[in-house]
């Protein structure tokens, strides 16, 4: 099967999802977009040396059965996507990629493979099929890095150097929260961790914190972790960092920002909502992604995705 790798045109995305050093005897024929590795100074010849074909973006869309794009395809690519093609990456068809899924993928019978760290899933029309060969938590290191990068980036852009007088609440004990905790612990802050079972205690004390870091992603629409009513009790000039990057769901009324303009203020509260923050640390993140994706994704015949929807 022909699999095309394109550079993501998502704003400020600099990660390279496949490094030449990780290319093995993959079962798929690889077509790599021109200048695919340029953010890391990797030449096209280094991919050619690994038996990859170097092609234009247009030709990759025209000739490949599957397209790998690390982050969401952007509108400029929509006219290029073909009927019954497979799109693989962090596609978020029930989140930030909903418009593409409903308006492009479903009408054109396109398969969407969402490489979510916890629930890697194939989406086709109204069907959701778990991808059995991708293990849960397969890209955990990148999730931890998301928490690390988001927290560092938010502090720098808010101009805040925490100290022992800074009170911090971190919600949930998952991977992104672990990364956030590792950063905040270096500042000798007062840090309190809250879990789903102790959220009532958080709501009672929400007005005490200078920094609130959310690491909970919401599965059910309308079940906000922090509601508008909760926000009324938040301390003025507080900083809320959504390391789960679940804008509008985890924190009611919040909206996405980007690496170039990561913080907005509303009612004297600052919000950070960047959903590709590991790209800030793109050199380290690229090594993690390339290694883990080569092991669990690129090493499989991509025709297996099509077999999931039609086992015949």
Protein backbone atom coordinates (compact mmCIF):
# COMPACT_ATOMS: atom_id res chain seq x y z
CA UNK A 1 0.00 0.00 0.00
CA UNK A 2 1.23 3.50 -0.78
CA UNK A 3 1.43 5.72 2.29
CA UNK A 4 2.19 9.41 1.86
CA UNK A 5 3.76 11.52 4.59
CA UNK A 6 2.98 15.24 4.36
CA UNK A 7 4.21 18.16 6.43
CA UNK A 8 1.42 19.36 8.70
CA UNK A 9 0.30 22.90 7.90
CA UNK A 10 -1.31 23.25 11.33
CA UNK A 11 -0.26 26.63 12.81
CA UNK A 12 3.21 26.59 14.41
CA UNK A 13 3.57 22.81 14.05
CA UNK A 14 7.26 21.88 13.67
CA UNK A 15 7.46 18.24 14.74
CA UNK A 16 8.74 15.68 12.23
CA UNK A 17 6.81 12.43 12.66
CA UNK A 18 9.22 10.10 10.84
CA UNK A 19 13.01 10.33 11.10
CA UNK A 20 15.27 8.42 8.68
CA UNK A 21 16.96 6.65 11.59
CA UNK A 22 13.68 4.92 12.48
CA UNK A 23 12.77 3.71 9.00
CA UNK A 24 12.98 -0.06 8.94
CA UNK A 25 11.61 -2.71 6.61
CA UNK A 26 8.09 -1.29 6.73
CA UNK A 27 5.41 -3.20 4.78
CA UNK A 28 4.13 -0.04 3.06
CA UNK A 29 5.60 1.92 0.16
CA UNK A 30 6.54 5.34 1.59
CA UNK A 31 6.18 8.60 -0.33
CA UNK A 32 7.62 11.60 1.51
CA UNK A 33 6.72 15.19 0.77
CA UNK A 34 9.52 17.45 -0.41
CA UNK A 35 11.35 19.13 2.51
CA UNK A 36 9.47 16.91 4.99
CA UNK A 37 12.33 16.97 7.51
CA UNK A 38 13.48 20.54 6.96
CA UNK A 39 12.52 21.72 10.47
CA UNK A 40 15.21 19.39 11.81
CA UNK A 41 17.69 20.00 9.01
CA UNK A 42 17.01 16.57 7.46
CA UNK A 43 17.52 16.50 3.70
CA UNK A 44 15.37 14.70 1.15
CA UNK A 45 18.41 12.59 0.24
CA UNK A 46 18.43 11.09 3.73
CA UNK A 47 14.93 9.73 3.08
CA UNK A 48 15.90 8.57 -0.42
CA UNK A 49 18.73 6.60 1.16
CA UNK A 50 16.05 4.71 3.09
CA UNK A 51 14.22 3.80 -0.16
CA UNK A 52 11.53 6.47 0.22
CA UNK A 53 10.23 8.34 -2.82
CA UNK A 54 10.23 12.14 -2.58
CA UNK A 55 7.16 13.71 -4.17
CA UNK A 56 5.10 16.90 -4.23
CA UNK A 57 2.16 17.29 -1.90
CA UNK A 58 -0.30 17.20 -4.81
CA UNK A 59 1.10 13.94 -6.19
CA UNK A 60 1.02 12.32 -2.75
CA UNK A 61 -2.69 13.08 -2.39
CA UNK A 62 -3.33 11.89 -5.98
CA UNK A 63 -1.50 8.58 -5.76
CA UNK A 64 -1.48 7.37 -2.15
CA UNK A 65 -4.04 5.09 -0.53
CA UNK A 66 -3.26 6.55 2.89
CA UNK A 67 -2.09 9.99 4.01
CA UNK A 68 -0.20 10.47 7.26
CA UNK A 69 -0.36 13.99 8.68
CA UNK A 70 0.62 14.42 12.30
CA UNK A 71 -1.89 17.18 13.05
CA UNK A 72 -5.24 18.16 11.56
CA UNK A 73 -5.44 18.73 7.83
CA UNK A 74 -6.11 22.37 7.06
CA UNK A 75 -8.71 23.73 4.58
CA UNK A 76 -6.14 24.17 1.77
CA UNK A 77 -5.82 20.38 1.67
CA UNK A 78 -9.53 19.57 1.64
CA UNK A 79 -9.88 19.70 -2.19
CA UNK A 80 -6.99 17.21 -2.50
CA UNK A 81 -8.49 14.46 -0.33
CA UNK A 82 -9.89 11.63 -2.44
CA UNK A 83 -12.89 9.33 -2.06
CA UNK A 84 -12.19 6.30 0.19
CA UNK A 85 -8.74 7.53 1.19
CA UNK A 86 -7.37 6.87 4.68
CA UNK A 87 -6.20 9.81 6.79
CA UNK A 88 -3.96 8.92 9.74
CA UNK A 89 -2.70 11.14 12.58
CA UNK A 90 -3.99 13.15 15.49
CA UNK A 91 -7.22 13.83 13.67
CA UNK A 92 -9.60 14.43 16.64
CA UNK A 93 -12.84 13.69 14.72
CA UNK A 94 -14.99 14.22 17.81
CA UNK A 95 -13.11 17.33 18.92
CA UNK A 96 -11.18 19.97 17.00
CA UNK A 97 -11.42 17.87 13.81
CA UNK A 98 -15.22 17.57 13.87
CA UNK A 99 -15.79 19.91 10.93
CA UNK A 100 -13.43 17.99 8.65
CA UNK A 101 -14.93 14.67 9.68
CA UNK A 102 -18.55 15.72 9.15
CA UNK A 103 -18.14 17.95 6.10
CA UNK A 104 -15.36 16.18 4.17
CA UNK A 105 -14.68 12.67 5.48
CA UNK A 106 -18.24 11.37 5.78
CA UNK A 107 -19.52 12.66 2.39
CA UNK A 108 -16.44 11.23 0.62
CA UNK A 109 -16.40 7.87 2.48
CA UNK A 110 -12.99 8.64 3.94
CA UNK A 111 -11.53 6.59 6.78
CA UNK A 112 -10.09 8.52 9.72
CA UNK A 113 -7.56 6.91 12.05
CA UNK A 114 -7.21 8.95 15.24
CA UNK A 115 -4.00 8.01 17.05
CA UNK A 116 -5.25 8.99 20.47
CA UNK A 117 -2.88 7.87 23.22
CA UNK A 118 -5.59 6.16 25.28
CA UNK A 119 -8.25 5.22 22.73
CA UNK A 120 -6.72 4.84 19.23
CA UNK A 121 -9.80 4.56 17.02
CA UNK A 122 -10.83 4.22 13.39
CA UNK A 123 -13.78 6.40 12.36
CA UNK A 124 -15.84 5.58 9.29
CA UNK A 125 -19.25 7.15 8.72
CA UNK A 126 -21.05 6.57 12.04
CA UNK A 127 -18.82 3.69 13.11
CA UNK A 128 -16.06 3.83 15.73
CA UNK A 129 -13.70 0.85 15.75
CA UNK A 130 -10.82 0.43 18.25
CA UNK A 131 -7.45 -0.13 16.56
CA UNK A 132 -6.36 -3.38 18.26
CA UNK A 133 -2.63 -3.38 17.41
CA UNK A 134 -1.95 0.03 19.00
CA UNK A 135 -1.52 -0.38 22.78
CA UNK A 136 -3.03 1.99 25.30
CA UNK A 137 -0.60 4.71 26.39
CA UNK A 138 1.74 4.01 23.44
CA UNK A 139 2.83 7.64 23.15
CA UNK A 140 2.79 8.46 26.85
CA UNK A 141 6.07 10.41 26.69
CA UNK A 142 4.55 12.92 24.28
CA UNK A 143 1.58 13.38 26.62
CA UNK A 144 3.89 14.09 29.55
CA UNK A 145 5.75 16.54 27.32
CA UNK A 146 2.45 18.27 26.52
CA UNK A 147 2.03 19.01 30.21
CA UNK A 148 5.63 20.16 30.52
CA UNK A 149 5.60 22.36 27.42
CA UNK A 150 2.19 23.91 28.13
CA UNK A 151 3.13 24.85 31.68
CA UNK A 152 6.52 26.33 30.77
CA UNK A 153 5.07 28.19 27.78
CA UNK A 154 2.15 29.59 29.78
CA UNK A 155 4.39 30.85 32.58
CA UNK A 156 6.80 32.51 30.17
CA UNK A 157 4.06 34.18 28.16
CA UNK A 158 2.21 35.33 31.27
CA UNK A 159 5.48 36.72 32.64
CA UNK A 160 5.21 34.76 35.88
CA UNK A 161 8.03 33.18 37.88
CA UNK A 162 6.30 31.24 40.69
CA UNK A 163 7.74 31.04 44.20
CA UNK A 164 6.87 29.60 47.59
CA UNK A 165 3.93 32.01 47.91
CA UNK A 166 2.31 30.77 44.68
CA UNK A 167 -0.65 28.45 45.18
CA UNK A 168 -1.22 25.87 42.45
CA UNK A 169 -4.05 23.39 41.89
CA UNK A 170 -3.47 20.50 39.46
CA UNK A 171 -6.49 18.51 38.38
CA UNK A 172 -6.12 14.76 37.67
CA UNK A 173 -3.11 12.44 37.98
CA UNK A 174 -2.65 11.53 34.28
CA UNK A 175 0.27 11.96 31.90
CA UNK A 176 -0.21 15.65 31.06
CA UNK A 177 -0.70 16.49 34.73
CA UNK A 178 2.50 14.64 35.55
CA UNK A 179 4.40 16.86 33.13
CA UNK A 180 2.81 19.97 34.65
CA UNK A 181 3.65 18.81 38.17
CA UNK A 182 7.29 18.20 37.26
CA UNK A 183 7.58 21.81 36.12
CA UNK A 184 5.76 23.42 39.03
CA UNK A 185 7.62 21.36 41.64
CA UNK A 186 10.88 23.02 40.59
CA UNK A 187 9.58 26.40 41.79
CA UNK A 188 8.94 25.26 45.37
CA UNK A 189 5.27 26.27 45.08
CA UNK A 190 2.38 25.21 47.26
CA UNK A 191 0.86 22.49 45.04
CA UNK A 192 -2.31 20.55 45.63
CA UNK A 193 -3.41 17.65 43.42
CA UNK A 194 -7.10 16.96 42.96
CA UNK A 195 -8.67 13.79 41.61
CA UNK A 196 -12.17 13.14 40.32
CA UNK A 197 -13.19 11.92 43.79
CA UNK A 198 -11.90 15.09 45.46
CA UNK A 199 -13.20 17.67 42.99
CA UNK A 200 -15.76 18.96 45.50
CA UNK A 201 -12.84 20.01 47.71
CA UNK A 202 -11.34 21.83 44.73
CA UNK A 203 -14.57 23.68 44.02
CA UNK A 204 -14.78 24.76 47.67
CA UNK A 205 -11.24 26.18 47.56
CA UNK A 206 -11.08 27.32 43.92
CA UNK A 207 -10.68 30.99 44.85
CA UNK A 208 -7.41 30.34 46.69
CA UNK A 209 -5.22 29.44 43.72
CA UNK A 210 -2.96 31.64 41.64
CA UNK A 211 -2.55 28.93 39.00
CA UNK A 212 -5.06 26.23 38.08
CA UNK A 213 -3.83 23.47 35.77
CA UNK A 214 -6.43 21.18 34.21
CA UNK A 215 -5.36 17.74 33.02
CA UNK A 216 -8.83 16.21 32.57
CA UNK A 217 -10.25 15.66 29.10
CA UNK A 218 -14.03 15.50 28.95
CA UNK A 219 -15.64 12.55 27.18
CA UNK A 220 -19.25 13.66 27.51
CA UNK A 221 -20.39 17.03 26.10
CA UNK A 222 -21.69 19.41 28.73
CA UNK A 223 -19.88 17.74 31.64
CA UNK A 224 -17.48 20.60 32.20
CA UNK A 225 -14.71 20.28 34.79
CA UNK A 226 -14.79 24.02 35.43
CA UNK A 227 -18.10 25.73 34.69
CA UNK A 228 -18.87 29.39 34.18
CA UNK A 229 -20.25 29.43 37.72
CA UNK A 230 -16.97 28.02 39.02
CA UNK A 231 -15.05 30.69 37.11
CA UNK A 232 -16.91 33.42 38.99
CA UNK A 233 -15.12 32.24 42.15
CA UNK A 234 -11.61 32.11 40.64
CA UNK A 235 -9.12 34.64 41.98
CA UNK A 236 -8.65 37.78 39.88
CA UNK A 237 -5.45 37.68 37.78
CA UNK A 238 -5.26 33.89 38.15
CA UNK A 239 -3.78 31.82 35.32
CA UNK A 240 -5.67 28.75 34.08
CA UNK A 241 -3.57 26.34 32.02
CA UNK A 242 -5.54 23.65 30.20
CA UNK A 243 -2.80 21.08 29.59
CA UNK A 244 -5.52 18.65 28.42
CA UNK A 245 -6.18 21.14 25.58
CA UNK A 246 -9.90 20.40 25.65
CA UNK A 247 -11.20 23.90 24.93
CA UNK A 248 -14.88 24.51 25.53
CA UNK A 249 -15.36 21.07 27.05
CA UNK A 250 -13.17 20.88 30.14
CA UNK A 251 -13.46 24.61 30.86
CA UNK A 252 -16.82 26.00 29.85
CA UNK A 253 -16.63 28.88 27.37
CA UNK A 254 -12.90 28.56 26.76
CA UNK A 255 -11.47 28.60 23.24
CA UNK A 256 -8.26 27.43 21.59
CA UNK A 257 -5.20 29.63 21.30
CA UNK A 258 -1.97 28.93 19.42
CA UNK A 259 1.76 28.92 20.05
CA UNK A 260 2.16 32.40 18.57
CA UNK A 261 -0.60 33.93 20.70
CA UNK A 262 -1.14 31.44 23.55
CA UNK A 263 -2.99 33.42 26.23
CA UNK A 264 -6.18 35.42 26.32
CA UNK A 265 -7.85 37.17 29.25
CA UNK A 266 -11.50 37.20 30.15
CA UNK A 267 -13.01 38.72 33.29
CA UNK A 268 -9.50 39.31 34.68
CA UNK A 269 -8.55 35.61 34.36
CA UNK A 270 -5.87 34.41 31.93
CA UNK A 271 -6.44 31.25 29.88
CA UNK A 272 -3.90 29.06 28.05
CA UNK A 273 -5.45 26.65 25.47
CA UNK A 274 -2.76 25.49 23.00
CA UNK A 275 -3.46 22.05 21.51
CA UNK A 276 -0.05 21.26 19.99
CA UNK A 277 2.25 22.50 22.75
CA UNK A 278 4.85 19.68 22.40
CA UNK A 279 5.79 21.36 19.11
CA UNK A 280 7.48 24.02 21.26
CA UNK A 281 9.99 21.27 22.14
CA UNK A 282 9.88 19.88 18.62
CA UNK A 283 13.37 18.38 18.49
CA UNK A 284 12.81 16.15 21.50
CA UNK A 285 9.16 15.48 20.62
CA UNK A 286 10.07 14.39 17.08
CA UNK A 287 12.39 11.69 18.40
CA UNK A 288 9.70 10.34 20.72
CA UNK A 289 6.98 10.36 18.05
CA UNK A 290 9.12 8.84 15.30
CA UNK A 291 10.35 6.03 17.54
CA UNK A 292 6.94 5.07 18.95
CA UNK A 293 4.98 5.52 15.73
CA UNK A 294 7.54 3.42 13.83
CA UNK A 295 7.09 0.64 16.37
CA UNK A 296 3.29 0.65 16.65
CA UNK A 297 1.94 2.28 13.46
CA UNK A 298 4.30 2.44 10.48
CA UNK A 299 5.38 -1.18 11.02
CA UNK A 300 1.84 -2.39 10.24
CA UNK A 301 0.38 -2.82 6.77
CA UNK A 302 -2.01 0.11 6.41
CA UNK A 303 -4.46 -2.12 4.58
CA UNK A 304 -5.33 -3.47 8.03
CA UNK A 305 -7.23 -0.25 8.67
CA UNK A 306 -9.49 -0.99 5.70
CA UNK A 307 -9.98 -4.57 6.93
CA UNK A 308 -11.34 -3.26 10.20
CA UNK A 309 -14.36 -1.82 8.41
CA UNK A 310 -14.69 -4.71 5.93
CA UNK A 311 -13.16 -7.96 7.28
CA UNK A 312 -13.87 -9.75 3.99
